Amino acid sequence: MSEHPPVPQLPVAVIGAGPVGLAAAAHLIERGIEPVILEAGPNAATAVREWSHVRLFSQWAEVVDPAAEKLLAPTGWVHPNADAYPMGGDWVAKYLQPLADVLGDRVRYNARVTGVARAGRNRIVDADRAAQPFTVHLRHADGSEERILARAVIDASGTWSTPGPAGGNGLPALGERAASAKISYYVPDFTDPATRKRYAGKRTAVVGAGASAFTALAMLADLAKDAPGTHAEWILRRGISGSTYGGGTADQLPERGALGLRAKKAVEDGYASALTGFRTAGIESEGEQLVLVDEDGRRSRPVDEIIVLTGFRPDLSFLDELRLNLDERLQAPVFLAELIDPNQHSCGTVYPHGARELAHPEQDLYLVGMKSYGRAPTFLSRTGYEQVRSISALLAGDTEAAARVELTLPETGVCGGAGLFDDPDATQGAGGCCSTPAAEPETVTAQPESGCCPTPADSEPATTHADAGGCCSTTAEPELLTLGSKPKPIPLGAQEPTTSTNSCSPSGSCC
């Protein structure tokens, strides 16, 4: 084997220059560890830029990382109004890009990670594995390839590039690819004249049940006021119940609660109608229009466009030569999955998590940010900031600080286990503390009964505008709740964490 520098002298590779990746770099620098940030796009926060037209649910006070703020302070950077709610574009211009600028040459753009492995070791080989550095393979925009070595890898690449399909079984519906020219997998930017023209006066199917779907419904309703004939067909895998529209005024993230109420009003005002209990199996052409076909053969009314907002999933392909320990359902680290599994629920606390819960058999490899949550749509950017603070402390040898993770999340006062979604007799909140709405209908509902609380994880954990780098908002969200799990041993002999009590986030936004 060719010789390589001693592992401790190598940098930590951070994949993704989004909110959590940049925060990871700031925490590493604070600990005296040199990072190299690898960003596939041409700028920092590439994913956030793609939803720059969307407002965050969280205030500025909650989306600026403390270590990053310290790094920015000497430049004269001024913290935006702590109580204001930034747009995605504001977050980039006033915080994320300035932070990337401070990091300077540590951020490498147009550097797409195509593979990560141990130097000289594929995933089969045990011998002396942990002593080898990581080898990170890159492909640049000009097609050239490169390999760099790293002492540790923090994957903050997010899930933005892998949105979920329309198919009710998690696979693309038959005909979905053929209809791709008329399908969007992100909330359209209705401030763009070309986008408004595309949807104005048209009938659009909105597939999804979370805050991104709420956003699309509300925006289409606004468009309908200027362009008669604009109408949304809302495709839901569940029925309409008291929890369909989110937490409303009970939501401690007011912007998120208000969004659900706007979607509810869109339906009540006749700008949208709901097709419930519908699991899409196919998309067929009918003249110039499209028809969605359910598994049982039911058909939607013809539509001109489809907006699919069924959540995101992690891209694990470039980690294939590493040893991961992922939950078989969520594709999240198994210890963390216990805390965020939308098939379970409790109205208790969220156990603080950090390096311990994010550990894998592959030592010094961490999936963080939106990617750490796999398919669970409950992520908050502040959660990612705590993750990378804990990991950076552990990599610096400060096991006590790594174990001391404190995290307080906002409540909605709403509970409900997503695992009930296929049971027609189940009530939202069964076994929970907050609400027990009526059983769900399975019919086409033009004017659904009013509701106020979120339906956690309609099997389609609705869209999170995510980290890809991006982590943020209009997230759909089952509850982030504790299942009473016991603390797990932290790597490298760290101490037990403090067991502070934290609030659950039944509909926590990404940001």
Protein backbone atom coordinates (compact mmCIF):
# COMPACT_ATOMS: atom_id res chain seq x y z
CA MET A 1 0.00 0.00 0.00
CA SER A 2 1.08 3.54 -0.62
CA GLU A 3 1.75 5.53 2.52
CA HIS A 4 -0.64 8.26 3.60
CA PRO A 5 -0.39 11.02 6.23
CA PRO A 6 -1.21 10.07 9.84
CA VAL A 7 -4.98 9.95 10.19
CA PRO A 8 -5.22 12.61 12.97
CA GLN A 9 -3.51 15.15 10.70
CA LEU A 10 -6.04 14.75 7.93
CA PRO A 11 -9.07 17.03 7.60
CA VAL A 12 -12.64 16.01 8.33
CA ALA A 13 -14.62 15.75 5.10
CA VAL A 14 -18.02 17.43 5.34
CA ILE A 15 -20.33 16.49 2.47
CA GLY A 16 -22.69 19.32 1.61
CA ALA A 17 -22.43 23.10 2.09
CA GLY A 18 -26.00 23.52 3.32
CA PRO A 19 -27.08 24.86 6.72
CA VAL A 20 -25.94 21.83 8.72
CA GLY A 21 -22.78 21.17 6.70
CA LEU A 22 -21.63 24.76 7.14
CA ALA A 23 -22.47 24.59 10.86
CA ALA A 24 -20.41 21.40 11.11
CA ALA A 25 -17.43 23.23 9.63
CA ALA A 26 -17.85 26.07 12.13
CA HIS A 27 -17.93 23.66 15.08
CA LEU A 28 -14.91 21.76 13.83
CA ILE A 29 -12.91 24.96 13.47
CA GLU A 30 -13.96 25.99 16.97
CA ARG A 31 -12.48 22.69 18.16
CA GLY A 32 -9.23 23.20 16.24
CA ILE A 33 -10.05 20.60 13.60
CA GLU A 34 -9.62 21.44 9.93
CA PRO A 35 -12.63 20.70 7.70
CA VAL A 36 -12.97 20.41 3.95
CA ILE A 37 -16.52 21.02 2.74
CA LEU A 38 -17.49 19.27 -0.49
CA GLU A 39 -20.44 20.84 -2.31
CA ALA A 40 -21.86 19.36 -5.50
CA GLY A 41 -23.39 22.67 -6.58
CA PRO A 42 -21.76 25.91 -7.71
CA ASN A 43 -22.73 27.83 -4.55
CA ALA A 44 -23.35 27.32 -0.89
CA ALA A 45 -26.83 26.12 0.08
CA THR A 46 -27.70 24.97 -3.42
CA ALA A 47 -30.91 23.30 -2.28
CA VAL A 48 -32.11 26.24 -0.20
CA ARG A 49 -31.70 28.46 -3.23
CA GLU A 50 -34.17 26.24 -5.07
CA TRP A 51 -36.88 27.02 -2.53
CA SER A 52 -35.87 30.62 -1.95
CA HIS A 53 -39.53 31.63 -2.45
CA VAL A 54 -40.67 29.67 0.63
CA ARG A 55 -40.85 31.19 4.11
CA LEU A 56 -39.26 29.32 7.00
CA PHE A 57 -41.42 28.22 9.92
CA SER A 58 -38.74 29.20 12.41
CA GLN A 59 -37.48 32.63 13.35
CA TRP A 60 -34.01 33.93 12.68
CA ALA A 61 -33.10 33.23 16.33
CA GLU A 62 -33.57 29.53 15.66
CA VAL A 63 -31.80 29.10 12.33
CA VAL A 64 -28.40 30.65 13.06
CA ASP A 65 -25.89 28.24 14.56
CA PRO A 66 -24.00 29.61 17.63
CA ALA A 67 -20.54 28.50 16.43
CA ALA A 68 -21.22 29.94 12.99
CA GLU A 69 -22.27 33.23 14.54
CA LYS A 70 -18.95 33.42 16.39
CA LEU A 71 -17.11 32.79 13.13
CA LEU A 72 -19.07 35.56 11.41
CA ALA A 73 -18.77 38.15 14.19
CA PRO A 74 -15.25 39.43 13.33
CA THR A 75 -16.42 40.26 9.79
CA GLY A 76 -18.94 42.80 11.06
CA TRP A 77 -21.85 40.50 10.30
CA VAL A 78 -25.06 41.62 11.95
CA HIS A 79 -27.61 39.07 13.13
CA PRO A 80 -30.95 39.67 11.38
CA ASN A 81 -34.03 40.52 13.45
CA ALA A 82 -34.30 37.51 15.76
CA ASP A 83 -38.11 37.55 15.74
CA ALA A 84 -38.54 37.70 11.96
CA TYR A 85 -39.29 34.71 9.71
CA PRO A 86 -36.86 34.64 6.78
CA MET A 87 -37.62 33.45 3.28
CA GLY A 88 -35.29 30.77 1.96
CA GLY A 89 -33.58 33.42 -0.16
CA ASP A 90 -33.04 35.61 2.91
CA TRP A 91 -31.47 32.70 4.76
CA VAL A 92 -28.98 32.25 1.95
CA ALA A 93 -28.15 35.91 1.36
CA LYS A 94 -27.95 37.05 4.98
CA TYR A 95 -26.42 34.03 6.67
CA LEU A 96 -25.49 30.93 4.67
CA GLN A 97 -23.49 32.55 1.86
CA PRO A 98 -21.67 34.93 4.25
CA LEU A 99 -20.75 31.92 6.37
CA ALA A 100 -19.45 30.06 3.33
CA ASP A 101 -17.45 33.15 2.37
CA VAL A 102 -15.80 33.19 5.79
CA LEU A 103 -14.89 29.53 5.40
CA GLY A 104 -13.23 30.48 2.12
CA ASP A 105 -11.15 27.84 0.36
CA ARG A 106 -12.28 25.20 2.84
CA VAL A 107 -15.46 25.00 0.74
CA ARG A 108 -14.93 23.26 -2.59
CA TYR A 109 -17.74 23.80 -5.09
CA ASN A 110 -18.73 21.65 -8.07
CA ALA A 111 -17.23 18.71 -6.19
CA ARG A 112 -19.75 15.89 -6.20
CA VAL A 113 -18.98 12.96 -3.91
CA THR A 114 -19.37 9.72 -5.87
CA GLY A 115 -18.05 7.29 -3.27
CA VAL A 116 -16.60 6.97 0.23
CA ALA A 117 -14.58 4.01 1.51
CA ARG A 118 -11.72 3.10 3.83
CA ALA A 119 -8.36 3.39 2.13
CA GLY A 120 -7.43 -0.04 0.81
CA ARG A 121 -10.49 -1.68 2.40
CA ASN A 122 -13.82 -2.52 0.84
CA ARG A 123 -16.80 -3.14 3.12
CA ILE A 124 -15.88 -6.82 3.54
CA VAL A 125 -12.37 -6.43 4.96
CA ASP A 126 -11.97 -6.27 8.75
CA ALA A 127 -8.19 -6.18 9.11
CA ASP A 128 -6.92 -2.92 10.59
CA ARG A 129 -10.01 -1.19 9.22
CA ALA A 130 -10.51 1.58 11.79
CA ALA A 131 -6.86 2.65 11.48
CA GLN A 132 -7.26 3.52 7.81
CA PRO A 133 -8.32 7.00 6.67
CA PHE A 134 -11.43 7.51 4.62
CA THR A 135 -10.98 7.92 0.89
CA VAL A 136 -13.52 10.25 -0.69
CA HIS A 137 -13.98 10.13 -4.46
CA LEU A 138 -15.06 13.30 -6.25
CA ARG A 139 -16.27 14.19 -9.71
CA HIS A 140 -15.90 17.81 -10.80
CA ALA A 141 -18.09 19.82 -13.16
CA ASP A 142 -15.59 19.36 -16.01
CA GLY A 143 -15.82 15.58 -15.64
CA SER A 144 -12.44 15.15 -13.96
CA GLU A 145 -12.13 12.90 -10.92
CA GLU A 146 -10.19 13.22 -7.70
CA ARG A 147 -9.64 11.34 -4.47
CA ILE A 148 -9.00 12.93 -1.09
CA LEU A 149 -8.23 11.41 2.32
CA ALA A 150 -10.04 12.31 5.53
CA ARG A 151 -9.85 11.35 9.20
CA ALA A 152 -13.64 11.37 9.51
CA VAL A 153 -16.68 11.94 7.30
CA ILE A 154 -19.76 14.01 8.18
CA ASP A 155 -22.42 13.50 5.54
CA ALA A 156 -24.73 16.53 5.50
CA SER A 157 -25.80 16.08 1.88
CA GLY A 158 -29.49 16.09 2.75
CA THR A 159 -32.31 14.54 0.77
CA TRP A 160 -33.37 17.32 -1.61
CA SER A 161 -32.14 15.54 -4.72
CA THR A 162 -34.24 12.42 -4.09
CA PRO A 163 -37.92 13.36 -3.74
CA GLY A 164 -40.52 10.64 -3.26
CA PRO A 165 -42.65 9.50 -6.22
CA ALA A 166 -46.42 9.61 -6.61
CA GLY A 167 -46.85 5.86 -6.30
CA GLY A 168 -48.62 4.75 -3.13
CA ASN A 169 -46.15 1.87 -2.64
CA GLY A 170 -43.07 4.10 -2.67
CA LEU A 171 -42.22 3.33 -6.29
CA PRO A 172 -43.06 5.52 -9.29
CA ALA A 173 -46.61 4.95 -10.46
CA LEU A 174 -47.03 3.26 -13.80
CA GLY A 175 -46.82 6.01 -16.38
CA GLU A 176 -45.26 8.50 -13.97
CA ARG A 177 -41.99 8.73 -15.85
CA ALA A 178 -43.78 9.11 -19.16
CA ALA A 179 -45.78 12.01 -17.72
CA SER A 180 -42.73 13.71 -16.18
CA ALA A 181 -43.07 16.85 -18.33
CA LYS A 182 -46.27 17.67 -16.46
CA ILE A 183 -45.10 16.69 -12.98
CA SER A 184 -43.25 18.80 -10.40
CA TYR A 185 -41.76 17.30 -7.22
CA TYR A 186 -41.23 20.61 -5.45
CA VAL A 187 -43.46 23.52 -4.47
CA PRO A 188 -43.58 25.73 -7.58
CA ASP A 189 -42.43 29.33 -7.38
CA PHE A 190 -45.67 31.15 -8.05
CA THR A 191 -43.86 34.50 -7.98
CA ASP A 192 -42.33 33.55 -11.34
CA PRO A 193 -44.51 34.69 -14.30
CA ALA A 194 -43.74 31.56 -16.30
CA THR A 195 -44.79 29.35 -13.40
CA ARG A 196 -48.01 31.27 -12.88
CA LYS A 197 -48.79 30.87 -16.57
CA ARG A 198 -48.17 27.12 -16.36
CA TYR A 199 -50.81 26.62 -13.64
CA ALA A 200 -53.22 29.52 -14.27
CA GLY A 201 -56.68 28.38 -15.30
CA LYS A 202 -55.59 24.75 -15.04
CA ARG A 203 -56.66 21.81 -12.89
CA THR A 204 -53.70 20.54 -10.86
CA ALA A 205 -53.43 17.39 -8.75
CA VAL A 206 -51.52 17.93 -5.49
CA VAL A 207 -50.29 14.61 -4.09
CA GLY A 208 -49.24 14.75 -0.43
CA ALA A 209 -50.54 15.48 3.03
CA GLY A 210 -48.07 17.77 4.77
CA ALA A 211 -46.98 21.34 4.90
CA SER A 212 -45.56 21.38 1.40
CA ALA A 213 -48.93 20.23 0.11
CA PHE A 214 -50.55 22.93 2.26
CA THR A 215 -48.25 25.47 0.64
CA ALA A 216 -49.14 24.36 -2.87
CA LEU A 217 -52.88 24.36 -2.09
CA ALA A 218 -52.70 27.84 -0.59
CA MET A 219 -50.68 29.22 -3.50
CA LEU A 220 -53.00 27.68 -6.09
CA ALA A 221 -55.95 29.23 -4.24
CA ASP A 222 -54.27 32.63 -4.40
CA LEU A 223 -53.63 32.12 -8.11
CA ALA A 224 -57.28 31.16 -8.65
CA LYS A 225 -58.38 34.57 -7.40
CA ASP A 226 -56.55 36.15 -10.35
CA ALA A 227 -57.00 33.32 -12.86
CA PRO A 228 -60.52 31.82 -12.85
CA GLY A 229 -60.62 28.12 -13.56
CA THR A 230 -57.54 27.37 -11.48
CA HIS A 231 -58.39 24.41 -9.24
CA ALA A 232 -56.53 21.85 -7.12
CA GLU A 233 -57.38 18.18 -6.84
CA TRP A 234 -55.88 17.15 -3.49
CA ILE A 235 -54.84 13.49 -3.53
CA LEU A 236 -54.74 12.03 0.00
CA ARG A 237 -53.85 8.53 1.14
CA ARG A 238 -55.80 9.13 4.33
CA GLY A 239 -59.24 10.51 4.86
CA ILE A 240 -60.18 13.95 6.13
CA SER A 241 -60.25 14.14 9.93
CA GLY A 242 -59.75 16.64 12.72
CA SER A 243 -55.99 16.43 12.32
CA THR A 244 -55.70 16.86 8.56
CA TYR A 245 -54.73 20.53 8.51
CA GLY A 246 -52.08 20.59 11.20
CA GLY A 247 -51.95 22.19 14.61
CA GLY A 248 -53.56 25.52 13.72
CA THR A 249 -53.50 27.98 16.60
CA ALA A 250 -52.19 25.24 18.93
CA ASP A 251 -48.93 25.03 17.00
CA GLN A 252 -45.99 26.66 18.77
CA LEU A 253 -44.58 27.43 15.34
CA PRO A 254 -47.27 29.97 14.34
CA GLU A 255 -46.24 30.19 10.70
CA ARG A 256 -46.66 26.44 10.33
CA GLY A 257 -50.03 26.43 12.03
CA ALA A 258 -51.24 29.30 9.86
CA LEU A 259 -50.21 27.45 6.72
CA GLY A 260 -52.51 24.54 7.53
CA LEU A 261 -55.36 26.97 8.11
CA ARG A 262 -54.72 28.54 4.70
CA ALA A 263 -54.96 25.11 3.07
CA LYS A 264 -58.19 24.44 4.95
CA LYS A 265 -59.64 27.70 3.70
CA ALA A 266 -58.63 26.83 0.13
CA VAL A 267 -60.79 23.71 0.37
CA GLU A 268 -63.67 25.44 2.14
CA ASP A 269 -63.70 28.23 -0.43
CA GLY A 270 -63.95 25.72 -3.26
CA TYR A 271 -60.51 26.31 -4.77
CA ALA A 272 -59.51 22.71 -3.94
CA SER A 273 -61.32 19.41 -3.55
CA ALA A 274 -60.01 16.28 -1.87
CA LEU A 275 -59.87 12.73 -3.15
CA THR A 276 -59.27 10.64 -0.04
CA GLY A 277 -58.13 7.10 0.68
CA PHE A 278 -56.37 7.23 -2.71
CA ARG A 279 -53.11 5.35 -3.25
CA THR A 280 -51.85 6.13 -6.70
CA ALA A 281 -50.91 3.10 -8.82
CA GLY A 282 -50.89 4.67 -12.28
CA ILE A 283 -50.94 7.90 -14.24
CA GLU A 284 -52.64 7.71 -17.63
CA SER A 285 -53.02 10.13 -20.49
CA GLU A 286 -56.51 11.21 -21.45
CA GLY A 287 -56.13 13.47 -24.44
CA GLU A 288 -53.97 16.40 -23.36
CA GLN A 289 -54.70 15.71 -19.69
CA LEU A 290 -53.66 13.14 -17.09
CA VAL A 291 -55.71 10.86 -14.85
CA LEU A 292 -54.45 9.32 -11.62
CA VAL A 293 -55.54 5.73 -11.04
CA ASP A 294 -55.90 4.20 -7.60
CA GLU A 295 -54.84 0.67 -6.64
CA ASP A 296 -58.53 -0.30 -6.56
CA GLY A 297 -59.18 1.13 -10.02
CA ARG A 298 -60.74 4.45 -8.99
CA ARG A 299 -59.84 7.34 -11.25
CA SER A 300 -59.32 11.01 -10.52
CA ARG A 301 -60.86 13.70 -12.62
CA PRO A 302 -58.60 14.71 -15.55
CA VAL A 303 -55.90 17.22 -14.58
CA ASP A 304 -53.48 19.37 -16.53
CA GLU A 305 -50.57 19.25 -14.08
CA ILE A 306 -49.45 17.19 -11.09
CA ILE A 307 -47.44 18.40 -8.08
CA VAL A 308 -46.04 15.45 -6.11
CA LEU A 309 -45.07 16.32 -2.53
CA THR A 310 -44.62 12.96 -0.84
CA GLY A 311 -41.42 13.57 1.06
CA PHE A 312 -37.76 12.86 0.43
CA ARG A 313 -35.40 9.97 0.98
CA PRO A 314 -31.63 9.68 1.52
CA ASP A 315 -29.22 8.86 -1.28
CA LEU A 316 -27.06 6.09 0.20
CA SER A 317 -25.50 4.96 -3.06
CA PHE A 318 -22.12 6.62 -2.56
CA LEU A 319 -21.78 5.08 0.92
CA ASP A 320 -22.13 1.52 -0.33
CA GLU A 321 -18.59 0.46 0.66
CA LEU A 322 -19.10 1.59 4.27
CA ARG A 323 -20.73 -0.25 7.15
CA LEU A 324 -23.95 1.49 8.12
CA ASN A 325 -26.43 0.57 10.81
CA LEU A 326 -29.74 1.89 9.49
CA ASP A 327 -33.31 1.24 10.52
CA GLU A 328 -34.99 -0.95 7.92
CA ARG A 329 -38.03 1.34 7.69
CA LEU A 330 -36.77 4.89 8.04
CA GLN A 331 -33.22 4.44 6.68
CA ALA A 332 -32.08 6.46 9.68
CA PRO A 333 -29.40 5.39 12.20
CA VAL A 334 -31.06 2.71 14.31
CA PHE A 335 -30.63 4.42 17.67
CA LEU A 336 -32.03 7.69 16.32
CA ALA A 337 -34.86 5.90 14.53
CA GLU A 338 -36.33 4.89 17.89
CA LEU A 339 -36.85 8.56 18.68
CA ILE A 340 -38.42 9.65 15.40
CA ASP A 341 -40.30 6.59 14.11
CA PRO A 342 -43.66 7.91 12.84
CA ASN A 343 -45.17 4.43 13.28
CA GLN A 344 -45.05 4.97 17.05
CA HIS A 345 -45.94 7.85 19.29
CA SER A 346 -45.93 9.15 22.78
CA CYS A 347 -46.67 12.61 24.12
CA GLY A 348 -43.68 12.61 26.40
CA THR A 349 -40.24 13.94 25.53
CA VAL A 350 -37.64 13.83 22.81
CA TYR A 351 -34.49 12.23 24.10
CA PRO A 352 -31.52 14.51 23.37
CA HIS A 353 -29.38 12.99 20.66
CA GLY A 354 -25.97 13.52 19.22
CA ALA A 355 -22.88 11.51 18.32
CA ARG A 356 -23.99 8.44 20.25
CA GLU A 357 -27.31 7.98 18.46
CA LEU A 358 -25.72 8.82 15.11
CA ALA A 359 -22.87 6.29 15.37
CA HIS A 360 -22.38 3.47 12.85
CA PRO A 361 -20.20 0.37 12.83
CA GLU A 362 -17.95 2.43 10.53
CA GLN A 363 -16.15 4.49 13.16
CA ASP A 364 -16.00 8.27 12.59
CA LEU A 365 -18.69 8.27 9.93
CA TYR A 366 -21.83 10.32 10.65
CA LEU A 367 -24.99 11.10 8.71
CA VAL A 368 -26.36 14.40 9.97
CA GLY A 369 -29.06 16.92 9.21
CA MET A 370 -32.04 15.90 7.12
CA LYS A 371 -30.18 12.83 5.90
CA SER A 372 -29.87 11.49 9.44
CA TYR A 373 -33.67 11.33 9.64
CA GLY A 374 -33.89 9.09 6.58
CA ARG A 375 -37.51 9.15 5.47
CA ALA A 376 -38.86 10.70 8.66
CA PRO A 377 -40.04 14.26 7.96
CA THR A 378 -39.62 15.71 11.43
CA PHE A 379 -36.28 17.48 11.18
CA LEU A 380 -35.46 20.94 12.56
CA SER A 381 -32.30 22.79 11.61
CA ARG A 382 -31.52 23.40 15.28
CA THR A 383 -31.49 19.62 15.71
CA GLY A 384 -28.78 19.43 13.06
CA TYR A 385 -26.78 22.15 14.78
CA GLU A 386 -26.84 20.11 18.00
CA GLN A 387 -25.82 16.98 16.11
CA VAL A 388 -22.70 18.54 14.62
CA ARG A 389 -21.77 20.25 17.90
CA SER A 390 -21.80 16.86 19.62
CA ILE A 391 -19.89 15.12 16.81
CA SER A 392 -17.23 17.84 16.66
CA ALA A 393 -16.71 17.54 20.41
CA LEU A 394 -16.30 13.78 20.11
CA LEU A 395 -13.81 14.07 17.26
CA ALA A 396 -11.84 16.50 19.44
CA GLY A 397 -11.78 13.96 22.27
CA ASP A 398 -14.19 15.86 24.52
CA THR A 399 -16.52 12.96 25.30
CA GLU A 400 -18.25 14.81 28.13
CA ALA A 401 -19.33 17.66 25.83
CA ALA A 402 -20.26 15.17 23.12
CA ALA A 403 -22.68 13.44 25.48
CA ARG A 404 -24.15 16.67 26.83
CA VAL A 405 -26.77 17.33 24.17
CA GLU A 406 -29.59 19.70 25.08
CA LEU A 407 -32.44 20.29 22.70
CA THR A 408 -35.85 21.87 23.24
CA LEU A 409 -38.37 21.59 20.44
CA PRO A 410 -41.73 23.33 20.02
CA GLU A 411 -45.01 21.55 20.72
CA THR A 412 -48.25 21.53 18.82
CA GLY A 413 -50.24 19.77 21.51
CA VAL A 414 -51.29 17.16 18.94
CA CYS A 415 -50.53 13.46 18.97
CA GLY A 416 -51.14 10.58 16.63
CA GLY A 417 -49.27 7.50 15.47
CA ALA A 418 -48.74 7.22 11.76
CA GLY A 419 -48.80 3.47 11.93
CA LEU A 420 -52.60 3.70 12.15
CA PHE A 421 -53.07 5.20 8.73
CA ASP A 422 -54.25 1.98 7.10
CA ASP A 423 -56.82 1.21 9.79
CA PRO A 424 -60.16 2.73 8.76
CA ASP A 425 -61.47 2.45 12.33
CA ALA A 426 -58.47 4.06 13.98
CA THR A 427 -58.70 7.56 15.40
CA GLN A 428 -55.93 10.08 15.29
CA GLY A 429 -54.27 10.28 18.63
CA ALA A 430 -55.27 6.80 19.71
CA GLY A 431 -53.25 6.01 22.76
CA GLY A 432 -52.13 9.61 22.80
CA CYS A 433 -52.68 12.70 24.85
CA CYS A 434 -54.15 15.31 22.66
CA SER A 435 -56.92 14.51 20.24
CA THR A 436 -59.27 11.78 19.11
CA PRO A 437 -60.96 12.92 15.93
CA ALA A 438 -63.53 10.87 14.14
CA ALA A 439 -62.67 7.90 11.96
CA GLU A 440 -61.51 8.77 8.50
CA PRO A 441 -63.80 8.73 5.47
CA GLU A 442 -62.69 7.09 2.24
CA THR A 443 -64.68 9.09 -0.26
CA VAL A 444 -64.19 12.08 -2.50
CA THR A 445 -64.68 15.07 -0.24
CA ALA A 446 -65.23 18.48 -1.72
CA GLN A 447 -65.88 20.27 1.56
CA PRO A 448 -64.15 18.30 4.34
CA GLU A 449 -65.00 18.76 7.95
CA SER A 450 -62.84 21.24 9.77
CA GLY A 451 -59.72 20.09 11.51
CA CYS A 452 -56.84 21.51 13.46
CA CYS A 453 -54.16 18.95 14.05
CA PRO A 454 -51.55 17.23 11.90
CA THR A 455 -51.85 13.72 10.59
CA PRO A 456 -48.42 12.41 11.39
CA ALA A 457 -47.04 10.49 8.46
CA ASP A 458 -49.65 9.59 6.02
CA SER A 459 -47.33 6.90 4.73
CA GLU A 460 -46.24 9.79 2.54
CA PRO A 461 -44.26 11.89 4.98
CA ALA A 462 -44.98 15.10 3.24
CA THR A 463 -42.35 17.23 1.75
CA THR A 464 -39.54 18.74 3.70
CA HIS A 465 -37.64 21.34 1.81
CA ALA A 466 -34.50 19.81 2.82
CA ASP A 467 -30.92 20.31 3.34
CA ALA A 468 -29.26 18.96 0.41
CA GLY A 469 -27.59 20.79 2.06
CA GLY A 470 -30.97 22.29 2.67
CA CYS A 471 -32.91 21.53 5.71
CA CYS A 472 -35.83 23.69 5.52
CA SER A 473 -39.37 24.18 5.61
CA THR A 474 -42.44 23.52 4.34
CA THR A 475 -42.09 20.26 6.08
CA ALA A 476 -44.72 17.72 6.73
CA GLU A 477 -44.44 16.12 9.89
CA PRO A 478 -45.26 13.31 12.08
CA GLU A 479 -44.33 13.66 15.72
CA LEU A 480 -40.82 13.59 16.96
CA LEU A 481 -41.32 11.60 20.12
CA THR A 482 -39.55 9.49 22.70
CA LEU A 483 -40.29 5.80 23.01
CA GLY A 484 -38.59 5.50 26.36
CA SER A 485 -35.40 4.18 24.89
CA LYS A 486 -32.41 3.65 27.10
CA PRO A 487 -29.19 5.56 26.49
CA LYS A 488 -26.85 3.76 24.12
CA PRO A 489 -23.09 3.51 24.62
CA ILE A 490 -21.39 6.44 22.95
CA PRO A 491 -18.31 5.68 20.83
CA LEU A 492 -14.81 6.21 22.22
CA GLY A 493 -15.85 5.72 25.84
CA ALA A 494 -17.87 8.87 26.31
CA GLN A 495 -19.84 9.47 29.47
CA GLU A 496 -23.58 9.13 29.81
CA PRO A 497 -25.48 12.22 28.66
CA THR A 498 -27.53 14.45 30.85
CA THR A 499 -31.17 13.42 30.68
CA SER A 500 -32.92 16.72 30.31
CA THR A 501 -36.60 16.68 29.40
CA ASN A 502 -37.56 18.17 26.08
CA SER A 503 -40.75 19.08 24.32
CA CYS A 504 -42.05 16.93 21.52
CA SER A 505 -42.54 18.37 18.05
CA PRO A 506 -45.57 16.62 16.64
CA SER A 507 -45.33 18.62 13.48
CA GLY A 508 -41.85 20.04 13.67
CA SER A 509 -40.75 22.03 10.70
CA CYS A 510 -37.41 21.50 9.15
CA CYS A 511 -36.29 24.89 10.25
